[in-house]
């Protein structure tokens, strides 16, 4: 099993990174590294997180990390990371 990232995820993560970087570039880079590491860990335990609140599919899950929600889909051999958002800011 491997992890694949949707373009929307990269766009949303970059927006978050830019916001954090206004305060600290080092913290922004560290946050991005931590997010990627958490997402890559999904290949080991893909069903460990809650069913998705926004994506209404049985194979959709939400990884919660530092107050952000990272929705993803579990397929046979691939985990698709769809995006990253805070609270109610994201629409499927």
PDB file of N, CA and C in Angstrom:
ATOM      1  N   UNK A   1       0.834  -1.175   0.000  1.00  0.00           N
ATOM      2  CA  UNK A   1       0.000   0.000   0.000  1.00  0.00           C
ATOM      3  C   UNK A   1       0.887   1.249   0.000  1.00  0.00           C
ATOM      4  N   UNK A   2       0.480   2.263  -0.749  1.00  0.00           N
ATOM      5  CA  UNK A   2       1.237   3.510  -0.765  1.00  0.00           C
ATOM      6  C   UNK A   2       0.280   4.701  -0.685  1.00  0.00           C
ATOM      7  N   UNK A   3       0.837   5.880  -0.421  1.00  0.00           N
ATOM      8  CA  UNK A   3       0.051   7.096  -0.230  1.00  0.00           C
ATOM      9  C   UNK A   3       0.233   8.005  -1.439  1.00  0.00           C
ATOM     10  N   UNK A   4      -0.890   8.491  -1.967  1.00  0.00           N
ATOM     11  CA  UNK A   4      -0.868   9.421  -3.095  1.00  0.00           C
ATOM     12  C   UNK A   4      -1.590  10.700  -2.660  1.00  0.00           C
ATOM     13  N   UNK A   5      -1.014  11.846  -2.994  1.00  0.00           N
ATOM     14  CA  UNK A   5      -1.557  13.134  -2.571  1.00  0.00           C
ATOM     15  C   UNK A   5      -2.264  13.830  -3.732  1.00  0.00           C
ATOM     16  N   UNK A   6      -3.487  14.284  -3.476  1.00  0.00           N
ATOM     17  CA  UNK A   6      -4.266  15.032  -4.457  1.00  0.00           C
ATOM     18  C   UNK A   6      -3.693  16.450  -4.571  1.00  0.00           C
ATOM     19  N   UNK A   7      -3.796  17.050  -5.746  1.00  0.00           N
ATOM     20  CA  UNK A   7      -3.308  18.422  -5.936  1.00  0.00           C
ATOM     21  C   UNK A   7      -3.955  19.400  -4.963  1.00  0.00           C
ATOM     22  N   UNK A   8      -5.211  19.170  -4.658  1.00  0.00           N
ATOM     23  CA  UNK A   8      -5.914  20.041  -3.709  1.00  0.00           C
ATOM     24  C   UNK A   8      -5.217  20.035  -2.346  1.00  0.00           C
ATOM     25  N   UNK A   9      -4.736  18.875  -1.919  1.00  0.00           N
ATOM     26  CA  UNK A   9      -4.012  18.777  -0.657  1.00  0.00           C
ATOM     27  C   UNK A   9      -2.787  19.692  -0.676  1.00  0.00           C
ATOM     28  N   UNK A  10      -2.015  19.638  -1.765  1.00  0.00           N
ATOM     29  CA  UNK A  10      -0.815  20.478  -1.864  1.00  0.00           C
ATOM     30  C   UNK A  10      -1.170  21.963  -1.823  1.00  0.00           C
ATOM     31  N   UNK A  11      -2.235  22.347  -2.530  1.00  0.00           N
ATOM     32  CA  UNK A  11      -2.659  23.750  -2.537  1.00  0.00           C
ATOM     33  C   UNK A  11      -3.057  24.211  -1.140  1.00  0.00           C
ATOM     34  N   UNK A  12      -3.856  23.399  -0.460  1.00  0.00           N
ATOM     35  CA  UNK A  12      -4.325  23.772   0.876  1.00  0.00           C
ATOM     36  C   UNK A  12      -3.179  23.779   1.886  1.00  0.00           C
ATOM     37  N   UNK A  13      -2.288  22.799   1.795  1.00  0.00           N
ATOM     38  CA  UNK A  13      -1.148  22.756   2.707  1.00  0.00           C
ATOM     39  C   UNK A  13      -0.230  23.959   2.485  1.00  0.00           C
ATOM     40  N   UNK A  14      -0.046  24.352   1.242  1.00  0.00           N
ATOM     41  CA  UNK A  14       0.787  25.514   0.948  1.00  0.00           C
ATOM     42  C   UNK A  14       0.182  26.793   1.534  1.00  0.00           C
ATOM     43  N   UNK A  15      -1.134  26.926   1.475  1.00  0.00           N
ATOM     44  CA  UNK A  15      -1.807  28.082   2.068  1.00  0.00           C
ATOM     45  C   UNK A  15      -1.573  28.119   3.576  1.00  0.00           C
ATOM     46  N   UNK A  16      -1.681  26.970   4.218  1.00  0.00           N
ATOM     47  CA  UNK A  16      -1.439  26.878   5.663  1.00  0.00           C
ATOM     48  C   UNK A  16       0.021  27.205   5.967  1.00  0.00           C
ATOM     49  N   UNK A  17       0.919  26.669   5.166  1.00  0.00           N
ATOM     50  CA  UNK A  17       2.353  26.924   5.371  1.00  0.00           C
ATOM     51  C   UNK A  17       2.660  28.417   5.270  1.00  0.00           C
ATOM     52  N   UNK A  18       2.101  29.080   4.269  1.00  0.00           N
ATOM     53  CA  UNK A  18       2.327  30.518   4.104  1.00  0.00           C
ATOM     54  C   UNK A  18       1.821  31.299   5.312  1.00  0.00           C
ATOM     55  N   UNK A  19       0.685  30.886   5.851  1.00  0.00           N
ATOM     56  CA  UNK A  19       0.132  31.565   7.023  1.00  0.00           C
ATOM     57  C   UNK A  19       1.046  31.388   8.241  1.00  0.00           C
ATOM     58  N   UNK A  20       1.484  30.170   8.487  1.00  0.00           N
ATOM     59  CA  UNK A  20       2.370  29.899   9.629  1.00  0.00           C
ATOM     60  C   UNK A  20       3.710  30.613   9.443  1.00  0.00           C
ATOM     61  N   UNK A  21       4.188  30.681   8.200  1.00  0.00           N
ATOM     62  CA  UNK A  21       5.493  31.295   7.918  1.00  0.00           C
ATOM     63  C   UNK A  21       5.518  32.791   8.219  1.00  0.00           C
ATOM     64  N   UNK A  22       4.354  33.421   8.259  1.00  0.00           N
ATOM     65  CA  UNK A  22       4.310  34.841   8.628  1.00  0.00           C
ATOM     66  C   UNK A  22       4.855  35.041  10.038  1.00  0.00           C
ATOM     67  N   UNK A  23       4.690  34.028  10.858  1.00  0.00           N
ATOM     68  CA  UNK A  23       5.196  34.071  12.235  1.00  0.00           C
ATOM     69  C   UNK A  23       6.580  33.435  12.337  1.00  0.00           C
ATOM     70  N   UNK A  24       6.743  32.271  11.678  1.00  0.00           N
ATOM     71  CA  UNK A  24       8.020  31.553  11.777  1.00  0.00           C
ATOM     72  C   UNK A  24       8.171  30.582  10.604  1.00  0.00           C
ATOM     73  N   UNK A  25       9.176  30.821   9.788  1.00  0.00           N
ATOM     74  CA  UNK A  25       9.451  29.937   8.649  1.00  0.00           C
ATOM     75  C   UNK A  25       9.841  28.547   9.141  1.00  0.00           C
ATOM     76  N   UNK A  26      10.622  28.483  10.203  1.00  0.00           N
ATOM     77  CA  UNK A  26      11.030  27.183  10.743  1.00  0.00           C
ATOM     78  C   UNK A  26       9.832  26.372  11.213  1.00  0.00           C
ATOM     79  N   UNK A  27       8.897  27.016  11.907  1.00  0.00           N
ATOM     80  CA  UNK A  27       7.695  26.297  12.353  1.00  0.00           C
ATOM     81  C   UNK A  27       6.846  25.858  11.170  1.00  0.00           C
ATOM     82  N   UNK A  28       6.774  26.689  10.154  1.00  0.00           N
ATOM     83  CA  UNK A  28       6.005  26.333   8.960  1.00  0.00           C
ATOM     84  C   UNK A  28       6.596  25.096   8.293  1.00  0.00           C
ATOM     85  N   UNK A  29       7.907  25.085   8.126  1.00  0.00           N
ATOM     86  CA  UNK A  29       8.565  23.926   7.510  1.00  0.00           C
ATOM     87  C   UNK A  29       8.422  22.678   8.371  1.00  0.00           C
ATOM     88  N   UNK A  30       8.537  22.839   9.670  1.00  0.00           N
ATOM     89  CA  UNK A  30       8.382  21.717  10.596  1.00  0.00           C
ATOM     90  C   UNK A  30       6.963  21.161  10.537  1.00  0.00           C
ATOM     91  N   UNK A  31       5.977  22.047  10.466  1.00  0.00           N
ATOM     92  CA  UNK A  31       4.584  21.621  10.370  1.00  0.00           C
ATOM     93  C   UNK A  31       4.364  20.788   9.108  1.00  0.00           C
ATOM     94  N   UNK A  32       4.861  21.271   7.986  1.00  0.00           N
ATOM     95  CA  UNK A  32       4.701  20.549   6.716  1.00  0.00           C
ATOM     96  C   UNK A  32       5.365  19.175   6.795  1.00  0.00           C
ATOM     97  N   UNK A  33       6.566  19.113   7.335  1.00  0.00           N
ATOM     98  CA  UNK A  33       7.252  17.823   7.499  1.00  0.00           C
ATOM     99  C   UNK A  33       6.437  16.873   8.370  1.00  0.00           C
ATOM    100  N   UNK A  34       5.898  17.391   9.468  1.00  0.00           N
ATOM    101  CA  UNK A  34       5.099  16.563  10.377  1.00  0.00           C
ATOM    102  C   UNK A  34       3.831  16.051   9.702  1.00  0.00           C
ATOM    103  N   UNK A  35       3.178  16.915   8.919  1.00  0.00           N
ATOM    104  CA  UNK A  35       1.964  16.505   8.199  1.00  0.00           C
ATOM    105  C   UNK A  35       2.294  15.380   7.223  1.00  0.00           C
ATOM    106  N   UNK A  36       3.350  15.548   6.443  1.00  0.00           N
ATOM    107  CA  UNK A  36       3.722  14.503   5.486  1.00  0.00           C
ATOM    108  C   UNK A  36       4.060  13.194   6.189  1.00  0.00           C
ATOM    109  N   UNK A  37       4.778  13.258   7.286  1.00  0.00           N
ATOM    110  CA  UNK A  37       5.110  12.035   8.025  1.00  0.00           C
ATOM    111  C   UNK A  37       3.860  11.338   8.538  1.00  0.00           C
ATOM    112  N   UNK A  38       2.904  12.102   9.071  1.00  0.00           N
ATOM    113  CA  UNK A  38       1.646  11.508   9.546  1.00  0.00           C
ATOM    114  C   UNK A  38       0.893  10.863   8.390  1.00  0.00           C
ATOM    115  N   UNK A  39       0.861  11.535   7.254  1.00  0.00           N
ATOM    116  CA  UNK A  39       0.159  10.987   6.096  1.00  0.00           C
ATOM    117  C   UNK A  39       0.839   9.721   5.581  1.00  0.00           C
ATOM    118  N   UNK A  40       2.143   9.713   5.550  1.00  0.00           N
ATOM    119  CA  UNK A  40       2.863   8.523   5.084  1.00  0.00           C
ATOM    120  C   UNK A  40       2.683   7.350   6.041  1.00  0.00           C
ATOM    121  N   UNK A  41       2.458   7.634   7.318  1.00  0.00           N
ATOM    122  CA  UNK A  41       2.185   6.572   8.295  1.00  0.00           C
ATOM    123  C   UNK A  41       0.850   5.879   8.036  1.00  0.00           C
ATOM    124  N   UNK A  42      -0.033   6.508   7.261  1.00  0.00           N
ATOM    125  CA  UNK A  42      -1.345   5.925   6.983  1.00  0.00           C
ATOM    126  C   UNK A  42      -1.234   4.562   6.308  1.00  0.00           C
ATOM    127  N   UNK A  43      -0.167   4.340   5.565  1.00  0.00           N
ATOM    128  CA  UNK A  43      -0.034   3.059   4.855  1.00  0.00           C
ATOM    129  C   UNK A  43       0.061   1.877   5.813  1.00  0.00           C
ATOM    130  N   UNK A  44       0.489   2.132   7.052  1.00  0.00           N
ATOM    131  CA  UNK A  44       0.607   1.064   8.042  1.00  0.00           C
ATOM    132  C   UNK A  44      -0.702   0.797   8.782  1.00  0.00           C
ATOM    133  N   UNK A  45      -1.494   1.839   9.004  1.00  0.00           N
ATOM    134  CA  UNK A  45      -2.761   1.695   9.745  1.00  0.00           C
ATOM    135  C   UNK A  45      -3.849   2.568   9.109  1.00  0.00           C
ATOM    136  N   UNK A  46      -4.276   2.234   7.906  1.00  0.00           N
ATOM    137  CA  UNK A  46      -5.207   3.113   7.188  1.00  0.00           C
ATOM    138  C   UNK A  46      -6.590   3.253   7.830  1.00  0.00           C
ATOM    139  N   UNK A  47      -7.030   2.259   8.577  1.00  0.00           N
ATOM    140  CA  UNK A  47      -8.375   2.336   9.166  1.00  0.00           C
ATOM    141  C   UNK A  47      -8.365   2.788  10.620  1.00  0.00           C
ATOM    142  N   UNK A  48      -7.246   3.281  11.098  1.00  0.00           N
ATOM    143  CA  UNK A  48      -7.124   3.667  12.510  1.00  0.00           C
ATOM    144  C   UNK A  48      -7.853   4.964  12.850  1.00  0.00           C
ATOM    145  N   UNK A  49      -8.259   5.721  11.849  1.00  0.00           N
ATOM    146  CA  UNK A  49      -8.863   7.027  12.095  1.00  0.00           C
ATOM    147  C   UNK A  49     -10.364   6.987  11.839  1.00  0.00           C
ATOM    148  N   UNK A  50     -11.043   8.039  12.288  1.00  0.00           N
ATOM    149  CA  UNK A  50     -12.508   8.070  12.229  1.00  0.00           C
ATOM    150  C   UNK A  50     -13.024   8.080  10.790  1.00  0.00           C
ATOM    151  N   UNK A  51     -14.264   7.623  10.632  1.00  0.00           N
ATOM    152  CA  UNK A  51     -14.931   7.750   9.346  1.00  0.00           C
ATOM    153  C   UNK A  51     -15.076   9.230   9.035  1.00  0.00           C
ATOM    154  N   UNK A  52     -14.963   9.572   7.763  1.00  0.00           N
ATOM    155  CA  UNK A  52     -14.979  10.978   7.366  1.00  0.00           C
ATOM    156  C   UNK A  52     -16.326  11.626   7.641  1.00  0.00           C
ATOM    157  N   UNK A  53     -16.281  12.853   8.129  1.00  0.00           N
ATOM    158  CA  UNK A  53     -17.484  13.637   8.398  1.00  0.00           C
ATOM    159  C   UNK A  53     -17.965  14.368   7.141  1.00  0.00           C
ATOM    160  N   UNK A  54     -17.062  14.638   6.204  1.00  0.00           N
ATOM    161  CA  UNK A  54     -17.399  15.412   5.003  1.00  0.00           C
ATOM    162  C   UNK A  54     -17.554  14.540   3.760  1.00  0.00           C
ATOM    163  N   UNK A  55     -16.713  13.531   3.631  1.00  0.00           N
ATOM    164  CA  UNK A  55     -16.753  12.649   2.465  1.00  0.00           C
ATOM    165  C   UNK A  55     -17.589  11.437   2.851  1.00  0.00           C
ATOM    166  N   UNK A  56     -18.768  11.340   2.304  1.00  0.00           N
ATOM    167  CA  UNK A  56     -19.729  10.309   2.709  1.00  0.00           C
ATOM    168  C   UNK A  56     -19.530   9.012   1.918  1.00  0.00           C
ATOM    169  N   UNK A  57     -18.420   8.337   2.198  1.00  0.00           N
ATOM    170  CA  UNK A  57     -18.132   7.038   1.592  1.00  0.00           C
ATOM    171  C   UNK A  57     -17.590   6.130   2.679  1.00  0.00           C
ATOM    172  N   UNK A  58     -17.846   4.837   2.564  1.00  0.00           N
ATOM    173  CA  UNK A  58     -17.389   3.879   3.577  1.00  0.00           C
ATOM    174  C   UNK A  58     -15.869   3.776   3.660  1.00  0.00           C
ATOM    175  N   UNK A  59     -15.187   4.090   2.579  1.00  0.00           N
ATOM    176  CA  UNK A  59     -13.728   3.990   2.570  1.00  0.00           C
ATOM    177  C   UNK A  59     -13.045   5.333   2.845  1.00  0.00           C
ATOM    178  N   UNK A  60     -13.809   6.325   3.282  1.00  0.00           N
ATOM    179  CA  UNK A  60     -13.262   7.659   3.563  1.00  0.00           C
ATOM    180  C   UNK A  60     -13.018   7.826   5.059  1.00  0.00           C
ATOM    181  N   UNK A  61     -11.866   8.365   5.396  1.00  0.00           N
ATOM    182  CA  UNK A  61     -11.473   8.576   6.793  1.00  0.00           C
ATOM    183  C   UNK A  61     -10.942   9.987   6.973  1.00  0.00           C
ATOM    184  N   UNK A  62     -10.877  10.409   8.243  1.00  0.00           N
ATOM    185  CA  UNK A  62     -10.309  11.706   8.606  1.00  0.00           C
ATOM    186  C   UNK A  62      -9.167  11.496   9.585  1.00  0.00           C
ATOM    187  N   UNK A  63      -7.994  11.966   9.210  1.00  0.00           N
ATOM    188  CA  UNK A  63      -6.855  12.027  10.121  1.00  0.00           C
ATOM    189  C   UNK A  63      -6.888  13.407  10.769  1.00  0.00           C
ATOM    190  N   UNK A  64      -6.896  13.454  12.095  1.00  0.00           N
ATOM    191  CA  UNK A  64      -6.872  14.720  12.821  1.00  0.00           C
ATOM    192  C   UNK A  64      -5.438  14.952  13.286  1.00  0.00           C
ATOM    193  N   UNK A  65      -4.899  16.127  12.937  1.00  0.00           N
ATOM    194  CA  UNK A  65      -3.518  16.441  13.302  1.00  0.00           C
ATOM    195  C   UNK A  65      -3.402  17.925  13.634  1.00  0.00           C
ATOM    196  N   UNK A  66      -3.056  18.206  14.885  1.00  0.00           N
ATOM    197  CA  UNK A  66      -2.851  19.584  15.363  1.00  0.00           C
ATOM    198  C   UNK A  66      -4.023  20.499  15.008  1.00  0.00           C
ATOM    199  N   UNK A  67      -5.232  19.989  15.163  1.00  0.00           N
ATOM    200  CA  UNK A  67      -6.427  20.782  14.903  1.00  0.00           C
ATOM    201  C   UNK A  67      -6.859  20.824  13.451  1.00  0.00           C
ATOM    202  N   UNK A  68      -6.123  20.173  12.576  1.00  0.00           N
ATOM    203  CA  UNK A  68      -6.471  20.118  11.161  1.00  0.00           C
ATOM    204  C   UNK A  68      -7.060  18.750  10.838  1.00  0.00           C
ATOM    205  N   UNK A  69      -7.972  18.737   9.878  1.00  0.00           N
ATOM    206  CA  UNK A  69      -8.583  17.502   9.405  1.00  0.00           C
ATOM    207  C   UNK A  69      -7.981  17.193   8.038  1.00  0.00           C
ATOM    208  N   UNK A  70      -7.528  15.953   7.887  1.00  0.00           N
ATOM    209  CA  UNK A  70      -6.935  15.507   6.625  1.00  0.00           C
ATOM    210  C   UNK A  70      -7.774  14.327   6.122  1.00  0.00           C
ATOM    211  N   UNK A  71      -8.724  14.590   5.215  1.00  0.00           N
ATOM    212  CA  UNK A  71      -9.554  13.504   4.693  1.00  0.00           C
ATOM    213  C   UNK A  71      -8.780  12.659   3.679  1.00  0.00           C
ATOM    214  N   UNK A  72      -9.054  11.353   3.710  1.00  0.00           N
ATOM    215  CA  UNK A  72      -8.390  10.460   2.764  1.00  0.00           C
ATOM    216  C   UNK A  72      -9.297   9.289   2.426  1.00  0.00           C
ATOM    217  N   UNK A  73      -9.055   8.703   1.257  1.00  0.00           N
ATOM    218  CA  UNK A  73      -9.785   7.528   0.790  1.00  0.00           C
ATOM    219  C   UNK A  73      -8.853   6.329   0.796  1.00  0.00           C
ATOM    220  N   UNK A  74      -9.389   5.190   1.205  1.00  0.00           N
ATOM    221  CA  UNK A  74      -8.623   3.947   1.205  1.00  0.00           C
ATOM    222  C   UNK A  74      -9.087   3.112   0.017  1.00  0.00           C
ATOM    223  N   UNK A  75      -8.168   2.816  -0.884  1.00  0.00           N
ATOM    224  CA  UNK A  75      -8.450   1.956  -2.023  1.00  0.00           C
ATOM    225  C   UNK A  75      -7.689   0.654  -1.806  1.00  0.00           C
ATOM    226  N   UNK A  76      -7.761  -0.273  -2.731  1.00  0.00           N
ATOM    227  CA  UNK A  76      -7.103  -1.570  -2.568  1.00  0.00           C
ATOM    228  C   UNK A  76      -5.621  -1.446  -2.237  1.00  0.00           C
ATOM    229  N   UNK A  77      -4.892  -0.682  -3.010  1.00  0.00           N
ATOM    230  CA  UNK A  77      -3.445  -0.563  -2.830  1.00  0.00           C
ATOM    231  C   UNK A  77      -2.976   0.869  -2.606  1.00  0.00           C
ATOM    232  N   UNK A  78      -3.912   1.824  -2.634  1.00  0.00           N
ATOM    233  CA  UNK A  78      -3.542   3.237  -2.568  1.00  0.00           C
ATOM    234  C   UNK A  78      -4.377   3.958  -1.517  1.00  0.00           C
ATOM    235  N   UNK A  79      -3.744   4.868  -0.798  1.00  0.00           N
ATOM    236  CA  UNK A  79      -4.450   5.792   0.084  1.00  0.00           C
ATOM    237  C   UNK A  79      -4.353   7.157  -0.578  1.00  0.00           C
ATOM    238  N   UNK A  80      -5.511   7.751  -0.882  1.00  0.00           N
ATOM    239  CA  UNK A  80      -5.560   9.054  -1.532  1.00  0.00           C
ATOM    240  C   UNK A  80      -5.816  10.131  -0.487  1.00  0.00           C
ATOM    241  N   UNK A  81      -4.831  10.988  -0.251  1.00  0.00           N
ATOM    242  CA  UNK A  81      -4.991  12.108   0.675  1.00  0.00           C
ATOM    243  C   UNK A  81      -5.620  13.250  -0.121  1.00  0.00           C
ATOM    244  N   UNK A  82      -6.817  13.666   0.303  1.00  0.00           N
ATOM    245  CA  UNK A  82      -7.620  14.589  -0.497  1.00  0.00           C
ATOM    246  C   UNK A  82      -7.359  16.061  -0.220  1.00  0.00           C
ATOM    247  N   UNK A  83      -7.126  16.410   1.034  1.00  0.00           N
ATOM    248  CA  UNK A  83      -6.961  17.818   1.378  1.00  0.00           C
ATOM    249  C   UNK A  83      -6.581  17.969   2.834  1.00  0.00           C
ATOM    250  N   UNK A  84      -6.576  19.206   3.295  1.00  0.00           N
ATOM    251  CA  UNK A  84      -6.321  19.503   4.705  1.00  0.00           C
ATOM    252  C   UNK A  84      -7.067  20.790   5.023  1.00  0.00           C
ATOM    253  N   UNK A  85      -7.809  20.788   6.124  1.00  0.00           N
ATOM    254  CA  UNK A  85      -8.590  21.970   6.479  1.00  0.00           C
ATOM    255  C   UNK A  85      -8.747  22.087   7.984  1.00  0.00           C
ATOM    256  N   UNK A  86      -9.164  23.252   8.403  1.00  0.00           N
ATOM    257  CA  UNK A  86      -9.434  23.565   9.804  1.00  0.00           C
ATOM    258  C   UNK A  86     -10.947  23.687   9.948  1.00  0.00           C
ATOM    259  N   UNK A  87     -11.532  22.967  10.873  1.00  0.00           N
ATOM    260  CA  UNK A  87     -12.965  23.054  11.210  1.00  0.00           C
ATOM    261  C   UNK A  87     -13.863  22.922   9.987  1.00  0.00           C
ATOM    262  N   UNK A  88     -14.692  23.924   9.703  1.00  0.00           N
ATOM    263  CA  UNK A  88     -15.703  23.823   8.642  1.00  0.00           C
ATOM    264  C   UNK A  88     -15.298  24.530   7.358  1.00  0.00           C
ATOM    265  N   UNK A  89     -14.025  24.597   7.069  1.00  0.00           N
ATOM    266  CA  UNK A  89     -13.552  25.379   5.932  1.00  0.00           C
ATOM    267  C   UNK A  89     -13.456  24.595   4.629  1.00  0.00           C
ATOM    268  N   UNK A  90     -13.851  23.363   4.599  1.00  0.00           N
ATOM    269  CA  UNK A  90     -13.595  22.519   3.432  1.00  0.00           C
ATOM    270  C   UNK A  90     -14.894  21.909   2.941  1.00  0.00           C
ATOM    271  N   UNK A  91     -15.068  21.847   1.646  1.00  0.00           N
ATOM    272  CA  UNK A  91     -16.220  21.180   1.052  1.00  0.00           C
ATOM    273  C   UNK A  91     -15.732  20.054   0.151  1.00  0.00           C
ATOM    274  N   UNK A  92     -16.355  18.908   0.273  1.00  0.00           N
ATOM    275  CA  UNK A  92     -15.969  17.735  -0.517  1.00  0.00           C
ATOM    276  C   UNK A  92     -16.329  17.921  -1.974  1.00  0.00           C
TER     277      UNK A  92
END
